[in-house]
């Protein structure tokens, strides 16, 4: 989402809010929906074993986990395409986070495993940040940063091994580590400045927190204790720029599944992979001639099928950063969400 978005330029749709309020937590018939979906044949061209797709659906203010066997997702006409959904609107477990004003433009969703629990990390541009238990929708941890405006604009979050949660705020230009392990509303944090902070990834092997900003990819050491975390910048590498003198516009940061030595990195102009060993940004990955393009908001690969998923803004929608499509390469195809306003999409690959 544009860092220039302001509250004054926003009209919060009452209809979208009302729709989201009725759809918090797990799908009301999650087991039946999954069974029905499993019984259906896949659409032509969908590789066997394709994982579900998790999207941030801003038009209806929801996270949606969608059936990968359907190329067209139309929840109104075919509710079975929705495997799971989440919205904090009207949910008492999130009431103190003021989701009516903070859950505006959900912009991150990623699935993580922690002590036999599956958690979905999510953020929204107007302040909402949470780790949500799947499938119950229970709150593992959450907070709202300046709820009701984009002065912080939390753009990504990541789970750390001790149960704490890191948050990247683009407009706020900071990275924080919250002591989320202390409880659902823990507010203690450590922080560091990072211009245009957009992406986060915990590196298990190197035990560092990678953070992506406007102009650099930074590695942080997370020290201290779980109750009193500390955050120390240990290294940084400049992002490639398309036009000298301009910002690279770092946007999405995600692990390359099946290649632990690499990270996906998107900028305003390109989709790159970062080689941790050499410190180089490269374009030598399979399918790069199609995947590598401008304005990609999210990217990720499925190691089993080889498919690469991405989202790119689509013209003619209510917001300039929305799309109704999730593009897939290797083989090339697309998923379409009817009346959607997708920002990011991820393969459902708990890790």
Protein backbone atom coordinates (compact mmCIF):
# COMPACT_ATOMS: atom_id res chain seq x y z
CA UNK A 1 0.00 0.00 0.00
CA UNK A 2 1.18 3.51 -0.68
CA UNK A 3 2.99 5.08 2.27
CA UNK A 4 1.09 8.27 1.48
CA UNK A 5 -2.31 6.85 2.38
CA UNK A 6 -3.99 9.06 5.00
CA UNK A 7 -7.03 8.68 7.16
CA UNK A 8 -8.52 11.84 5.73
CA UNK A 9 -8.54 10.28 2.28
CA UNK A 10 -10.38 7.17 3.43
CA UNK A 11 -14.06 6.35 3.38
CA UNK A 12 -14.59 3.28 5.53
CA UNK A 13 -17.45 1.39 3.90
CA UNK A 14 -20.18 0.53 6.38
CA UNK A 15 -21.33 -2.38 4.23
CA UNK A 16 -17.86 -3.95 4.17
CA UNK A 17 -17.56 -3.53 7.92
CA UNK A 18 -20.91 -5.17 8.53
CA UNK A 19 -20.00 -8.09 6.28
CA UNK A 20 -16.70 -8.59 8.08
CA UNK A 21 -18.31 -8.46 11.53
CA UNK A 22 -20.27 -11.61 10.84
CA UNK A 23 -17.24 -13.51 9.60
CA UNK A 24 -14.71 -13.60 12.47
CA UNK A 25 -12.72 -16.72 13.25
CA UNK A 26 -13.10 -20.11 11.65
CA UNK A 27 -15.61 -20.73 8.90
CA UNK A 28 -18.89 -21.80 10.55
CA UNK A 29 -18.85 -25.07 8.65
CA UNK A 30 -15.11 -25.52 8.21
CA UNK A 31 -15.13 -29.31 8.40
CA UNK A 32 -18.02 -29.64 5.94
CA UNK A 33 -16.47 -27.11 3.57
CA UNK A 34 -13.16 -28.95 3.50
CA UNK A 35 -14.84 -32.30 2.91
CA UNK A 36 -16.93 -30.88 0.08
CA UNK A 37 -13.90 -29.25 -1.52
CA UNK A 38 -11.87 -32.43 -1.26
CA UNK A 39 -14.58 -34.35 -3.10
CA UNK A 40 -14.53 -31.98 -6.08
CA UNK A 41 -12.26 -32.53 -9.06
CA UNK A 42 -9.60 -29.88 -9.59
CA UNK A 43 -9.96 -27.32 -12.35
CA UNK A 44 -7.95 -28.11 -15.49
CA UNK A 45 -4.25 -27.31 -15.14
CA UNK A 46 -4.10 -27.28 -11.32
CA UNK A 47 -1.15 -29.52 -10.33
CA UNK A 48 -1.92 -32.29 -7.83
CA UNK A 49 -0.90 -31.33 -4.31
CA UNK A 50 -1.29 -27.58 -4.82
CA UNK A 51 -1.67 -26.02 -1.35
CA UNK A 52 -4.52 -23.67 -0.36
CA UNK A 53 -4.03 -19.94 -0.89
CA UNK A 54 -4.18 -17.43 1.98
CA UNK A 55 -5.09 -13.88 0.94
CA UNK A 56 -5.53 -10.49 2.57
CA UNK A 57 -8.92 -9.48 1.18
CA UNK A 58 -9.26 -5.76 1.80
CA UNK A 59 -12.60 -5.17 0.10
CA UNK A 60 -14.44 -7.22 2.74
CA UNK A 61 -11.78 -6.82 5.48
CA UNK A 62 -11.01 -10.51 5.84
CA UNK A 63 -8.28 -13.07 5.63
CA UNK A 64 -9.43 -15.90 3.38
CA UNK A 65 -7.96 -19.37 3.01
CA UNK A 66 -9.14 -20.48 -0.41
CA UNK A 67 -9.52 -23.76 -2.28
CA UNK A 68 -6.63 -24.14 -4.76
CA UNK A 69 -8.67 -26.47 -6.97
CA UNK A 70 -11.00 -23.67 -8.09
CA UNK A 71 -9.60 -21.10 -10.51
CA UNK A 72 -12.51 -18.74 -9.77
CA UNK A 73 -13.35 -18.00 -6.14
CA UNK A 74 -16.87 -16.68 -5.65
CA UNK A 75 -17.67 -17.01 -1.92
CA UNK A 76 -21.15 -15.50 -2.33
CA UNK A 77 -22.22 -18.06 -4.93
CA UNK A 78 -20.06 -20.95 -3.69
CA UNK A 79 -19.16 -20.67 0.03
CA UNK A 80 -17.25 -23.96 -0.20
CA UNK A 81 -14.30 -22.20 -1.84
CA UNK A 82 -13.51 -20.69 1.58
CA UNK A 83 -11.60 -23.13 3.77
CA UNK A 84 -11.22 -20.64 6.64
CA UNK A 85 -11.65 -16.94 7.24
CA UNK A 86 -10.80 -14.37 9.86
CA UNK A 87 -11.97 -10.90 10.79
CA UNK A 88 -11.75 -9.35 14.27
CA UNK A 89 -14.78 -7.16 13.67
CA UNK A 90 -17.44 -7.91 16.25
CA UNK A 91 -15.15 -10.41 18.04
CA UNK A 92 -14.93 -9.74 21.79
CA UNK A 93 -11.45 -11.29 21.92
CA UNK A 94 -10.10 -8.34 19.94
CA UNK A 95 -12.38 -5.57 21.23
CA UNK A 96 -9.61 -3.70 23.09
CA UNK A 97 -7.69 -3.38 19.80
CA UNK A 98 -10.51 -1.26 18.33
CA UNK A 99 -10.76 -3.26 15.10
CA UNK A 100 -13.54 -1.00 13.83
CA UNK A 101 -10.83 1.59 13.17
CA UNK A 102 -7.58 -0.45 13.26
CA UNK A 103 -8.60 -3.39 11.02
CA UNK A 104 -8.58 -1.31 7.85
CA UNK A 105 -6.69 -2.64 4.82
CA UNK A 106 -5.36 -5.98 6.13
CA UNK A 107 -1.97 -6.20 4.43
CA UNK A 108 -0.14 -9.27 5.76
CA UNK A 109 -0.96 -12.91 6.38
CA UNK A 110 1.54 -15.71 6.94
CA UNK A 111 1.22 -19.05 8.70
CA UNK A 112 3.66 -20.26 11.35
CA UNK A 113 3.95 -23.18 13.77
CA UNK A 114 4.66 -22.66 17.46
CA UNK A 115 4.61 -25.34 20.15
CA UNK A 116 2.04 -27.53 18.39
CA UNK A 117 -0.11 -24.54 17.51
CA UNK A 118 -0.74 -23.07 14.08
CA UNK A 119 -0.69 -19.27 14.09
CA UNK A 120 -1.55 -16.77 11.39
CA UNK A 121 0.43 -13.53 11.62
CA UNK A 122 -1.54 -10.58 10.31
CA UNK A 123 -1.35 -6.79 10.13
CA UNK A 124 -3.57 -3.99 8.85
CA UNK A 125 -2.51 -0.53 7.71
CA UNK A 126 -4.47 1.39 10.34
CA UNK A 127 -2.73 -0.25 13.28
CA UNK A 128 -3.94 -3.83 13.85
CA UNK A 129 -1.28 -6.50 14.51
CA UNK A 130 -2.01 -10.01 15.77
CA UNK A 131 -1.00 -13.63 15.93
CA UNK A 132 -4.23 -15.58 15.48
CA UNK A 133 -4.66 -19.24 16.35
CA UNK A 134 -5.86 -21.42 13.50
CA UNK A 135 -8.60 -22.56 13.14
CA UNK A 136 -10.25 -21.16 16.30
CA UNK A 137 -9.43 -17.50 15.64
CA UNK A 138 -8.32 -17.17 19.25
CA UNK A 139 -5.93 -14.37 20.05
CA UNK A 140 -2.42 -15.58 20.83
CA UNK A 141 -1.27 -11.97 20.94
CA UNK A 142 -2.28 -8.63 19.52
CA UNK A 143 -1.94 -4.88 19.72
CA UNK A 144 -3.04 -1.78 17.83
CA UNK A 145 -0.45 0.84 16.92
CA UNK A 146 -2.04 4.29 16.75
CA UNK A 147 -5.41 2.74 15.88
CA UNK A 148 -7.42 4.62 13.30
CA UNK A 149 -4.65 6.13 11.19
CA UNK A 150 -1.64 5.03 9.16
CA UNK A 151 0.96 6.90 11.21
CA UNK A 152 2.63 3.53 11.94
CA UNK A 153 1.22 1.40 9.09
CA UNK A 154 2.25 -2.07 10.32
CA UNK A 155 3.06 -3.89 7.11
CA UNK A 156 4.38 -7.26 8.21
CA UNK A 157 4.90 -9.43 11.28
CA UNK A 158 6.96 -12.48 12.16
CA UNK A 159 6.95 -15.08 14.92
CA UNK A 160 10.19 -15.65 16.83
CA UNK A 161 11.24 -18.98 18.42
CA UNK A 162 10.53 -17.79 21.97
CA UNK A 163 6.96 -16.84 21.07
CA UNK A 164 7.62 -13.13 20.69
CA UNK A 165 6.41 -11.24 17.63
CA UNK A 166 8.34 -8.84 15.39
CA UNK A 167 6.49 -6.06 13.56
CA UNK A 168 7.60 -3.88 10.62
CA UNK A 169 5.95 -0.46 10.28
CA UNK A 170 6.45 1.29 6.94
CA UNK A 171 5.18 4.80 7.65
CA UNK A 172 6.48 4.59 11.21
CA UNK A 173 9.92 3.58 9.85
CA UNK A 174 10.60 1.06 12.58
CA UNK A 175 11.01 -2.59 13.47
CA UNK A 176 9.76 -3.76 16.85
CA UNK A 177 10.00 -6.99 18.79
CA UNK A 178 7.10 -7.39 21.21
CA UNK A 179 7.28 -9.62 24.29
CA UNK A 180 4.20 -11.47 23.01
CA UNK A 181 5.21 -14.58 24.94
CA UNK A 182 4.05 -12.78 28.11
CA UNK A 183 0.39 -12.89 27.07
CA UNK A 184 -2.30 -11.84 24.58
CA UNK A 185 -2.02 -8.12 25.31
CA UNK A 186 1.67 -7.79 26.23
CA UNK A 187 2.90 -4.32 25.32
CA UNK A 188 6.63 -4.33 26.10
CA UNK A 189 8.90 -4.05 23.06
CA UNK A 190 12.36 -3.29 21.70
CA UNK A 191 12.69 -1.28 18.49
CA UNK A 192 15.03 0.06 15.84
CA UNK A 193 14.64 2.60 13.06
CA UNK A 194 14.30 1.29 9.50
CA UNK A 195 13.11 3.61 6.74
CA UNK A 196 10.11 2.15 4.93
CA UNK A 197 10.11 -1.11 6.91
CA UNK A 198 7.99 -3.53 4.88
CA UNK A 199 9.02 -7.15 5.37
CA UNK A 200 10.27 -9.53 8.07
CA UNK A 201 11.60 -13.08 8.17
CA UNK A 202 13.11 -15.13 11.00
CA UNK A 203 16.10 -17.15 9.79
CA UNK A 204 16.25 -20.36 11.82
CA UNK A 205 19.65 -21.45 10.55
CA UNK A 206 21.44 -18.13 11.07
CA UNK A 207 19.28 -17.08 14.01
CA UNK A 208 18.79 -13.57 12.71
CA UNK A 209 15.74 -11.48 11.92
CA UNK A 210 15.82 -10.20 8.36
CA UNK A 211 14.03 -6.89 7.75
CA UNK A 212 13.35 -5.21 4.42
CA UNK A 213 13.20 -1.43 4.15
CA UNK A 214 12.92 1.06 1.32
CA UNK A 215 16.62 0.89 0.49
CA UNK A 216 18.23 -2.00 2.38
CA UNK A 217 17.94 -5.54 3.63
CA UNK A 218 18.97 -5.63 7.29
CA UNK A 219 19.93 -8.51 9.58
CA UNK A 220 19.09 -8.11 13.28
CA UNK A 221 20.25 -10.09 16.27
CA UNK A 222 17.44 -10.61 18.76
CA UNK A 223 18.88 -10.71 22.26
CA UNK A 224 17.86 -10.04 25.82
CA UNK A 225 15.22 -12.34 27.24
CA UNK A 226 11.74 -13.32 26.14
CA UNK A 227 10.34 -10.92 28.75
CA UNK A 228 12.77 -8.12 27.85
CA UNK A 229 13.88 -8.50 24.24
CA UNK A 230 16.68 -6.52 22.64
CA UNK A 231 17.18 -5.75 18.95
CA UNK A 232 20.62 -5.10 17.43
CA UNK A 233 21.41 -4.38 13.79
CA UNK A 234 24.31 -6.60 12.73
CA UNK A 235 24.55 -6.05 8.96
CA UNK A 236 22.83 -4.46 6.00
CA UNK A 237 23.03 -4.63 2.22
CA UNK A 238 21.75 -2.01 -0.20
CA UNK A 239 18.91 -2.98 -2.53
CA UNK A 240 19.43 -2.71 -6.29
CA UNK A 241 17.84 0.40 -7.79
CA UNK A 242 16.28 0.65 -11.23
CA UNK A 243 16.94 4.39 -11.55
CA UNK A 244 20.07 5.89 -9.94
CA UNK A 245 19.23 8.31 -7.16
CA UNK A 246 15.79 6.85 -6.49
CA UNK A 247 14.69 4.57 -3.70
CA UNK A 248 14.56 0.85 -4.50
CA UNK A 249 11.20 0.55 -2.76
CA UNK A 250 11.71 -2.74 -0.93
CA UNK A 251 8.35 -4.43 -0.43
CA UNK A 252 7.98 -8.17 0.15
CA UNK A 253 10.39 -10.44 1.98
CA UNK A 254 9.74 -14.18 2.13
CA UNK A 255 11.80 -17.37 2.35
CA UNK A 256 12.44 -19.35 -0.83
CA UNK A 257 10.84 -22.67 0.09
CA UNK A 258 13.24 -25.55 -0.41
CA UNK A 259 16.28 -23.26 -0.65
CA UNK A 260 17.17 -22.11 2.88
CA UNK A 261 20.09 -20.05 1.60
CA UNK A 262 17.82 -17.69 -0.30
CA UNK A 263 15.14 -15.06 0.28
CA UNK A 264 12.53 -13.66 -2.06
CA UNK A 265 12.83 -9.86 -2.24
CA UNK A 266 10.52 -7.61 -4.23
CA UNK A 267 11.18 -3.95 -4.98
CA UNK A 268 9.25 -1.34 -6.92
CA UNK A 269 10.88 -2.59 -10.11
CA UNK A 270 11.82 -6.25 -9.67
CA UNK A 271 11.39 -9.68 -8.11
CA UNK A 272 14.77 -10.88 -6.89
CA UNK A 273 16.28 -13.59 -4.77
CA UNK A 274 18.92 -12.77 -2.18
CA UNK A 275 21.75 -15.27 -1.85
CA UNK A 276 22.75 -15.21 1.81
CA UNK A 277 26.12 -16.86 1.16
CA UNK A 278 27.35 -14.47 -1.51
CA UNK A 279 25.38 -11.40 -0.47
CA UNK A 280 24.12 -10.95 -4.03
CA UNK A 281 20.66 -10.23 -5.42
CA UNK A 282 20.08 -12.60 -8.33
CA UNK A 283 17.59 -13.43 -11.05
CA UNK A 284 18.72 -16.98 -11.79
CA UNK A 285 15.65 -18.71 -10.36
CA UNK A 286 13.32 -20.88 -12.45
CA UNK A 287 10.61 -18.83 -14.17
CA UNK A 288 12.34 -15.49 -13.59
CA UNK A 289 11.51 -14.27 -17.10
CA UNK A 290 7.81 -14.22 -16.12
CA UNK A 291 7.90 -13.73 -12.34
CA UNK A 292 10.35 -10.80 -12.38
CA UNK A 293 8.26 -7.66 -12.92
CA UNK A 294 7.41 -4.34 -11.28
CA UNK A 295 5.04 -3.60 -8.39
CA UNK A 296 4.80 -7.14 -7.00
CA UNK A 297 3.22 -6.98 -3.54
CA UNK A 298 3.78 -10.63 -2.54
CA UNK A 299 5.70 -13.60 -3.90
CA UNK A 300 6.31 -17.18 -2.80
CA UNK A 301 6.95 -20.64 -4.17
CA UNK A 302 5.55 -24.08 -3.44
CA UNK A 303 8.46 -26.55 -3.27
CA UNK A 304 6.32 -29.57 -4.03
CA UNK A 305 4.74 -28.42 -7.30
CA UNK A 306 7.27 -25.72 -8.24
CA UNK A 307 4.56 -23.09 -8.66
CA UNK A 308 5.36 -19.45 -7.92
CA UNK A 309 2.53 -17.25 -6.66
CA UNK A 310 2.44 -13.44 -6.78
CA UNK A 311 0.12 -10.45 -6.63
CA UNK A 312 0.32 -7.26 -8.70
CA UNK A 313 -2.09 -4.28 -8.55
CA UNK A 314 -4.87 -4.24 -11.13
CA UNK A 315 -6.27 -1.13 -12.78
CA UNK A 316 -9.87 -0.03 -12.38
CA UNK A 317 -10.48 -1.15 -8.80
CA UNK A 318 -11.46 0.92 -5.77
CA UNK A 319 -7.86 1.18 -4.55
CA UNK A 320 -4.79 1.38 -6.77
CA UNK A 321 -2.99 -1.39 -4.86
CA UNK A 322 -5.82 -3.96 -5.10
CA UNK A 323 -6.18 -6.90 -7.44
CA UNK A 324 -8.81 -9.55 -8.03
CA UNK A 325 -6.19 -12.01 -9.24
CA UNK A 326 -3.47 -14.18 -7.77
CA UNK A 327 -1.00 -14.97 -10.53
CA UNK A 328 0.70 -18.35 -10.67
CA UNK A 329 3.72 -19.30 -12.78
CA UNK A 330 5.24 -22.69 -13.57
CA UNK A 331 2.73 -23.34 -15.11
CA UNK A 332 1.28 -19.90 -15.81
CA UNK A 333 -2.30 -19.45 -14.64
CA UNK A 334 -4.38 -17.21 -12.39
CA UNK A 335 -6.93 -17.39 -9.61
CA UNK A 336 -9.72 -14.80 -9.59
CA UNK A 337 -11.63 -13.63 -6.51
CA UNK A 338 -15.01 -12.27 -7.58
CA UNK A 339 -15.49 -8.69 -6.30
CA UNK A 340 -12.16 -8.99 -4.51
CA UNK A 341 -9.64 -6.46 -3.30
CA UNK A 342 -6.59 -8.65 -2.70
CA UNK A 343 -3.32 -7.16 -1.50
CA UNK A 344 -1.11 -10.14 -0.65
CA UNK A 345 -1.38 -13.88 -1.20
CA UNK A 346 0.59 -16.77 0.32
CA UNK A 347 0.69 -20.49 -0.19
CA UNK A 348 -0.61 -22.23 2.94
CA UNK A 349 2.70 -23.79 3.99
CA UNK A 350 2.92 -23.86 7.81
CA UNK A 351 6.54 -23.61 8.96
